[in-house]
């Protein structure tokens, strides 16, 4: 009995050390990264790539039980790579009101790096005025126009090319579907399809109240420009950019902020005209662009919220079929 207990304790300690400092395991719960990552994919996430972050709270590992009101100093070991554009990164959900390492885990694709400017124009993402190519597996809404309203587009034929969602019928000649660019190339070749166009959300669709920052008339398909803060970058504070950077200064840099009745800015009670950021920030988006809550809605990801880089799918379960997806097991994440 003692030998079994010792072996069990040793295994638990090793697992705790490995999952805390070397790698961790995560499951994809939502479709925001489809078709790159599917609901039911189980991921191997390396904490070494960007440097292991030591625990910030004291509590029961891998649970929400922790000692309230107590936190350890933030520290991150050196990593062997920087966060790069295109990385699939796991991070703590920035705007959740909890200690950093107790916040919910999200996974998104890094689009913009510190110091860069991000713009979305009619669904095309531009970084420092350079358009980013669409990665394999990314999908979005498309408007499919038929040549004849009497034609019925087969759901089975769409599914055969990887289109699982027939979103809606807009009118007898128009369907709106969710698909990758490869699937759309196939749809465009069908004789009864007149044309296919990206669906662009209207400015009147009510997005202004939920985008970041609020009230600028941004939509998920026409967004920005917005400049990403970087460590050591100094920004001159203005009425125009205050709503972009004030949440960052308050939430992630840990300062008290206010605007005086005279329209002047104060940080920690001191009048200021500029601010220098203490860490790097990143702009992230989901691969399923029209079904993703990401930086367009809640802002930047601070580096101290970054957990690790998703490297490998070690298992995948299809809940609809109640079967493993064997073709995805040990698939490298691009």
Protein backbone atom coordinates (compact mmCIF):
# COMPACT_ATOMS: atom_id res chain seq x y z
CA UNK A 1 0.00 0.00 0.00
CA UNK A 2 2.81 2.40 0.87
CA UNK A 3 4.57 1.69 -2.44
CA UNK A 4 1.35 2.36 -4.37
CA UNK A 5 0.77 5.62 -2.48
CA UNK A 6 4.38 6.73 -3.06
CA UNK A 7 4.10 5.95 -6.78
CA UNK A 8 0.83 7.86 -7.03
CA UNK A 9 2.21 10.89 -5.18
CA UNK A 10 5.35 10.86 -7.34
CA UNK A 11 3.24 10.72 -10.54
CA UNK A 12 1.06 13.61 -9.35
CA UNK A 13 4.10 15.74 -8.48
CA UNK A 14 5.71 15.05 -11.86
CA UNK A 15 2.45 15.88 -13.66
CA UNK A 16 2.11 19.11 -11.68
CA UNK A 17 5.67 20.20 -12.47
CA UNK A 18 5.40 19.28 -16.16
CA UNK A 19 2.01 20.95 -16.69
CA UNK A 20 3.03 24.05 -14.75
CA UNK A 21 6.42 24.67 -16.31
CA UNK A 22 6.81 22.71 -19.57
CA UNK A 23 3.55 22.04 -21.41
CA UNK A 24 -0.16 21.85 -20.82
CA UNK A 25 -3.16 20.18 -22.41
CA UNK A 26 -6.24 22.04 -23.65
CA UNK A 27 -9.49 21.19 -25.41
CA UNK A 28 -11.19 23.30 -28.11
CA UNK A 29 -14.71 24.07 -26.79
CA UNK A 30 -16.03 26.49 -29.46
CA UNK A 31 -15.92 26.79 -33.28
CA UNK A 32 -14.07 30.13 -33.36
CA UNK A 33 -10.95 28.52 -34.92
CA UNK A 34 -12.64 26.24 -37.47
CA UNK A 35 -11.65 24.76 -39.83
CA UNK A 36 -8.08 24.98 -38.53
CA UNK A 37 -9.03 23.66 -35.09
CA UNK A 38 -12.29 21.82 -34.49
CA UNK A 39 -14.53 21.53 -31.47
CA UNK A 40 -13.29 18.42 -29.65
CA UNK A 41 -9.62 18.80 -30.62
CA UNK A 42 -7.23 18.23 -27.71
CA UNK A 43 -4.08 20.32 -27.94
CA UNK A 44 -0.50 20.05 -26.74
CA UNK A 45 0.54 23.59 -25.75
CA UNK A 46 4.20 24.43 -25.16
CA UNK A 47 4.97 26.87 -22.36
CA UNK A 48 8.67 26.87 -23.21
CA UNK A 49 8.40 28.63 -26.59
CA UNK A 50 7.62 32.06 -25.16
CA UNK A 51 9.01 31.33 -21.69
CA UNK A 52 7.22 29.67 -18.79
CA UNK A 53 5.16 32.02 -16.64
CA UNK A 54 5.39 31.19 -12.94
CA UNK A 55 2.16 30.95 -10.90
CA UNK A 56 0.64 34.29 -9.89
CA UNK A 57 -1.83 32.96 -7.31
CA UNK A 58 -1.65 30.25 -4.65
CA UNK A 59 -4.34 27.60 -4.78
CA UNK A 60 -5.37 24.19 -6.00
CA UNK A 61 -3.72 23.58 -9.40
CA UNK A 62 -5.99 23.37 -12.48
CA UNK A 63 -9.02 24.62 -10.50
CA UNK A 64 -10.50 28.00 -9.60
CA UNK A 65 -9.81 27.47 -5.88
CA UNK A 66 -7.14 29.92 -4.75
CA UNK A 67 -6.18 32.17 -1.85
CA UNK A 68 -8.10 35.42 -2.47
CA UNK A 69 -6.29 38.72 -2.17
CA UNK A 70 -2.84 37.16 -2.39
CA UNK A 71 -0.65 37.27 -5.49
CA UNK A 72 2.97 36.50 -6.32
CA UNK A 73 5.19 38.81 -8.41
CA UNK A 74 4.91 38.23 -12.16
CA UNK A 75 7.91 36.38 -13.57
CA UNK A 76 8.54 34.64 -16.88
CA UNK A 77 11.55 32.50 -17.72
CA UNK A 78 13.30 33.29 -21.01
CA UNK A 79 11.76 31.51 -23.99
CA UNK A 80 13.45 30.30 -27.14
CA UNK A 81 11.17 32.20 -29.54
CA UNK A 82 9.13 35.38 -29.71
CA UNK A 83 5.41 35.52 -30.38
CA UNK A 84 5.12 35.60 -34.17
CA UNK A 85 2.38 36.54 -36.57
CA UNK A 86 0.37 33.47 -37.47
CA UNK A 87 1.06 31.63 -34.19
CA UNK A 88 -1.92 29.87 -32.61
CA UNK A 89 -1.58 31.16 -29.05
CA UNK A 90 -3.31 30.11 -25.83
CA UNK A 91 -3.85 32.99 -23.41
CA UNK A 92 -5.95 34.02 -20.43
CA UNK A 93 -9.09 35.92 -21.45
CA UNK A 94 -7.93 39.50 -20.80
CA UNK A 95 -11.12 41.28 -19.72
CA UNK A 96 -12.31 38.64 -17.25
CA UNK A 97 -12.31 40.05 -13.72
CA UNK A 98 -10.10 37.43 -12.07
CA UNK A 99 -6.39 37.04 -11.26
CA UNK A 100 -4.48 36.55 -14.52
CA UNK A 101 -3.67 32.86 -14.14
CA UNK A 102 -7.27 32.05 -13.05
CA UNK A 103 -8.91 33.59 -16.09
CA UNK A 104 -10.51 31.44 -18.78
CA UNK A 105 -8.22 30.09 -21.51
CA UNK A 106 -8.73 31.27 -25.09
CA UNK A 107 -6.94 30.31 -28.29
CA UNK A 108 -6.66 32.64 -31.29
CA UNK A 109 -4.32 33.44 -34.17
CA UNK A 110 -1.81 36.29 -33.74
CA UNK A 111 -2.49 38.93 -36.40
CA UNK A 112 -0.73 42.07 -35.21
CA UNK A 113 2.51 42.50 -33.24
CA UNK A 114 3.61 45.29 -30.87
CA UNK A 115 3.99 48.63 -32.61
CA UNK A 116 2.03 47.63 -35.71
CA UNK A 117 -1.18 49.15 -37.06
CA UNK A 118 -4.12 46.88 -37.89
CA UNK A 119 -6.94 47.68 -40.31
CA UNK A 120 -9.72 45.48 -41.69
CA UNK A 121 -11.21 46.64 -45.00
CA UNK A 122 -14.09 44.61 -46.42
CA UNK A 123 -12.83 41.53 -44.56
CA UNK A 124 -9.22 41.95 -45.79
CA UNK A 125 -6.78 42.33 -42.89
CA UNK A 126 -3.97 44.83 -43.41
CA UNK A 127 -1.00 45.23 -41.07
CA UNK A 128 1.02 48.40 -41.64
CA UNK A 129 -0.85 48.73 -44.98
CA UNK A 130 0.19 45.23 -46.14
CA UNK A 131 -2.63 42.76 -46.80
CA UNK A 132 -2.33 39.42 -45.00
CA UNK A 133 -2.99 36.28 -47.01
CA UNK A 134 -5.74 33.96 -45.82
CA UNK A 135 -4.33 30.87 -44.13
CA UNK A 136 -5.54 27.38 -44.99
CA UNK A 137 -8.62 26.46 -42.98
CA UNK A 138 -9.85 30.01 -42.34
CA UNK A 139 -13.53 30.45 -43.11
CA UNK A 140 -16.08 33.25 -43.25
CA UNK A 141 -19.53 34.20 -44.52
CA UNK A 142 -20.05 34.24 -48.30
CA UNK A 143 -23.06 35.32 -50.37
CA UNK A 144 -23.81 32.75 -53.08
CA UNK A 145 -25.95 34.03 -55.98
CA UNK A 146 -27.79 31.43 -58.06
CA UNK A 147 -28.56 31.82 -61.77
CA UNK A 148 -32.14 30.63 -61.23
CA UNK A 149 -34.27 30.91 -58.10
CA UNK A 150 -35.74 27.46 -58.78
CA UNK A 151 -32.36 25.80 -58.27
CA UNK A 152 -31.90 24.06 -54.91
CA UNK A 153 -28.32 23.91 -53.65
CA UNK A 154 -27.82 20.47 -52.15
CA UNK A 155 -26.75 20.47 -48.50
CA UNK A 156 -25.06 17.10 -49.14
CA UNK A 157 -23.01 18.56 -51.99
CA UNK A 158 -21.94 21.46 -49.79
CA UNK A 159 -21.02 19.09 -46.97
CA UNK A 160 -18.94 17.01 -49.36
CA UNK A 161 -16.62 20.00 -49.87
CA UNK A 162 -16.47 20.81 -46.17
CA UNK A 163 -19.33 23.33 -45.89
CA UNK A 164 -21.24 22.17 -42.82
CA UNK A 165 -23.28 25.31 -42.25
CA UNK A 166 -25.97 26.55 -44.61
CA UNK A 167 -26.39 29.81 -42.73
CA UNK A 168 -29.55 31.26 -44.25
CA UNK A 169 -31.59 31.87 -47.37
CA UNK A 170 -31.67 35.63 -47.97
CA UNK A 171 -33.94 35.51 -51.01
CA UNK A 172 -34.80 32.89 -53.68
CA UNK A 173 -31.55 33.62 -55.55
CA UNK A 174 -29.21 34.24 -52.61
CA UNK A 175 -27.72 31.90 -50.00
CA UNK A 176 -25.31 32.90 -47.23
CA UNK A 177 -22.90 30.15 -46.21
CA UNK A 178 -19.82 29.71 -44.04
CA UNK A 179 -16.89 28.33 -46.04
CA UNK A 180 -13.16 28.40 -46.70
CA UNK A 181 -11.70 29.93 -49.87
CA UNK A 182 -10.95 26.45 -51.25
CA UNK A 183 -14.60 25.45 -50.85
CA UNK A 184 -15.75 28.67 -52.49
CA UNK A 185 -13.57 28.00 -55.54
CA UNK A 186 -15.46 24.72 -55.94
CA UNK A 187 -18.86 26.38 -55.48
CA UNK A 188 -18.03 29.02 -58.11
CA UNK A 189 -17.39 26.25 -60.66
CA UNK A 190 -20.95 24.90 -60.40
CA UNK A 191 -23.00 25.74 -63.49
CA UNK A 192 -26.02 27.07 -61.59
CA UNK A 193 -23.99 29.56 -59.53
CA UNK A 194 -23.83 33.09 -60.91
CA UNK A 195 -21.22 34.52 -58.53
CA UNK A 196 -19.93 34.37 -54.96
CA UNK A 197 -19.00 37.42 -52.88
CA UNK A 198 -17.75 37.89 -49.31
CA UNK A 199 -20.53 38.97 -46.98
CA UNK A 200 -19.73 42.42 -45.55
CA UNK A 201 -21.48 43.44 -42.33
CA UNK A 202 -23.31 46.75 -42.57
CA UNK A 203 -22.43 49.74 -40.39
CA UNK A 204 -26.10 49.75 -39.37
CA UNK A 205 -25.94 46.20 -38.01
CA UNK A 206 -25.46 47.42 -34.42
CA UNK A 207 -21.81 46.49 -34.00
CA UNK A 208 -20.70 49.94 -32.84
CA UNK A 209 -21.75 49.26 -29.25
CA UNK A 210 -19.82 45.98 -28.91
CA UNK A 211 -16.60 46.59 -30.85
CA UNK A 212 -13.32 47.80 -29.29
CA UNK A 213 -13.24 50.70 -28.67
CA UNK A 214 -16.96 51.46 -28.44
CA UNK A 215 -18.82 53.97 -30.56
CA UNK A 216 -16.49 54.33 -33.53
CA UNK A 217 -18.76 52.72 -36.08
CA UNK A 218 -16.43 49.72 -36.49
CA UNK A 219 -17.74 46.35 -37.68
CA UNK A 220 -15.93 42.98 -37.76
CA UNK A 221 -15.42 43.48 -41.52
CA UNK A 222 -14.40 47.15 -41.49
CA UNK A 223 -12.29 47.89 -38.46
CA UNK A 224 -9.61 50.33 -37.38
CA UNK A 225 -7.00 51.60 -37.89
CA UNK A 226 -5.75 50.77 -34.41
CA UNK A 227 -2.14 50.90 -33.20
CA UNK A 228 -0.90 48.04 -31.00
CA UNK A 229 1.12 49.11 -27.92
CA UNK A 230 4.64 47.78 -27.47
CA UNK A 231 6.98 47.67 -24.49
CA UNK A 232 8.77 51.03 -24.22
CA UNK A 233 6.49 52.73 -26.73
CA UNK A 234 5.35 56.21 -25.69
CA UNK A 235 2.00 57.49 -26.91
CA UNK A 236 0.74 61.05 -26.72
CA UNK A 237 -2.69 60.89 -25.09
CA UNK A 238 -5.53 62.58 -26.92
CA UNK A 239 -9.31 62.60 -26.72
CA UNK A 240 -9.29 60.48 -29.89
CA UNK A 241 -7.04 57.68 -28.57
CA UNK A 242 -7.93 57.79 -24.86
CA UNK A 243 -10.63 55.13 -25.25
CA UNK A 244 -8.14 52.87 -27.05
CA UNK A 245 -5.35 53.04 -24.49
CA UNK A 246 -7.08 53.92 -21.19
CA UNK A 247 -8.40 50.36 -20.66
CA UNK A 248 -4.87 49.02 -21.29
CA UNK A 249 -3.28 51.44 -18.83
CA UNK A 250 -5.91 50.66 -16.18
CA UNK A 251 -6.53 46.93 -16.60
CA UNK A 252 -3.14 45.57 -17.58
CA UNK A 253 -0.61 48.19 -16.49
CA UNK A 254 -2.28 48.60 -13.07
CA UNK A 255 -2.84 52.37 -12.87
CA UNK A 256 -5.74 54.55 -11.82
CA UNK A 257 -6.96 56.72 -14.68
CA UNK A 258 -9.37 59.62 -15.08
CA UNK A 259 -10.26 62.57 -17.25
CA UNK A 260 -10.75 65.83 -15.37
CA UNK A 261 -13.75 68.11 -15.98
CA UNK A 262 -11.35 70.31 -17.94
CA UNK A 263 -10.56 67.43 -20.31
CA UNK A 264 -7.08 66.76 -18.91
CA UNK A 265 -5.72 63.25 -18.33
CA UNK A 266 -4.54 61.90 -14.98
CA UNK A 267 -2.75 58.64 -14.15
CA UNK A 268 -2.43 57.73 -10.46
CA UNK A 269 -3.58 61.27 -9.64
CA UNK A 270 -0.83 62.94 -11.67
CA UNK A 271 -1.55 65.08 -14.75
CA UNK A 272 -0.04 63.52 -17.89
CA UNK A 273 0.06 64.15 -21.61
CA UNK A 274 1.71 60.86 -22.62
CA UNK A 275 2.24 57.31 -21.42
CA UNK A 276 5.01 54.70 -21.88
CA UNK A 277 3.87 51.05 -21.93
CA UNK A 278 5.59 48.49 -19.70
CA UNK A 279 4.90 45.32 -21.75
CA UNK A 280 4.07 44.08 -25.23
CA UNK A 281 0.55 43.58 -26.56
CA UNK A 282 -0.87 41.55 -29.44
CA UNK A 283 -3.91 41.70 -31.73
CA UNK A 284 -5.53 38.29 -32.24
CA UNK A 285 -8.37 36.92 -34.36
CA UNK A 286 -10.11 33.57 -34.76
CA UNK A 287 -9.75 31.57 -37.97
CA UNK A 288 -13.55 31.37 -38.18
CA UNK A 289 -13.64 35.12 -38.75
CA UNK A 290 -17.42 35.65 -38.58
CA UNK A 291 -17.90 33.50 -35.48
CA UNK A 292 -15.08 34.66 -33.25
CA UNK A 293 -15.00 36.93 -30.21
CA UNK A 294 -11.50 38.35 -30.45
CA UNK A 295 -9.42 41.55 -30.33
CA UNK A 296 -11.96 43.33 -32.52
CA UNK A 297 -14.42 43.03 -29.63
CA UNK A 298 -12.32 43.25 -26.43
CA UNK A 299 -8.93 44.65 -27.41
CA UNK A 300 -5.32 43.59 -27.03
CA UNK A 301 -3.72 40.54 -25.39
CA UNK A 302 -1.00 41.54 -22.87
CA UNK A 303 2.14 39.43 -22.89
CA UNK A 304 1.68 38.54 -19.22
CA UNK A 305 -1.61 36.82 -20.21
CA UNK A 306 0.08 34.59 -22.81
CA UNK A 307 0.21 30.93 -21.69
CA UNK A 308 1.90 29.17 -24.60
CA UNK A 309 1.97 28.14 -28.24
CA UNK A 310 -0.35 25.42 -29.54
CA UNK A 311 1.84 22.87 -31.34
CA UNK A 312 0.00 19.58 -31.81
CA UNK A 313 -3.42 17.94 -31.79
CA UNK A 314 -2.88 14.80 -29.72
CA UNK A 315 -6.50 13.62 -29.83
CA UNK A 316 -9.81 14.64 -31.42
CA UNK A 317 -13.37 13.61 -30.66
CA UNK A 318 -16.36 14.14 -32.96
CA UNK A 319 -19.34 14.45 -30.59
CA UNK A 320 -21.87 14.30 -33.46
CA UNK A 321 -20.61 10.90 -34.60
CA UNK A 322 -19.41 9.75 -31.15
CA UNK A 323 -16.15 8.68 -32.73
CA UNK A 324 -12.53 9.82 -32.68
CA UNK A 325 -11.28 11.81 -35.66
CA UNK A 326 -8.32 9.53 -36.38
CA UNK A 327 -7.06 11.73 -39.25
CA UNK A 328 -6.45 14.62 -36.80
CA UNK A 329 -4.55 12.70 -34.14
CA UNK A 330 -0.92 13.93 -33.89
CA UNK A 331 -1.61 16.60 -36.50
CA UNK A 332 0.81 19.55 -36.31
CA UNK A 333 -0.93 22.91 -35.86
CA UNK A 334 -0.02 25.38 -38.58
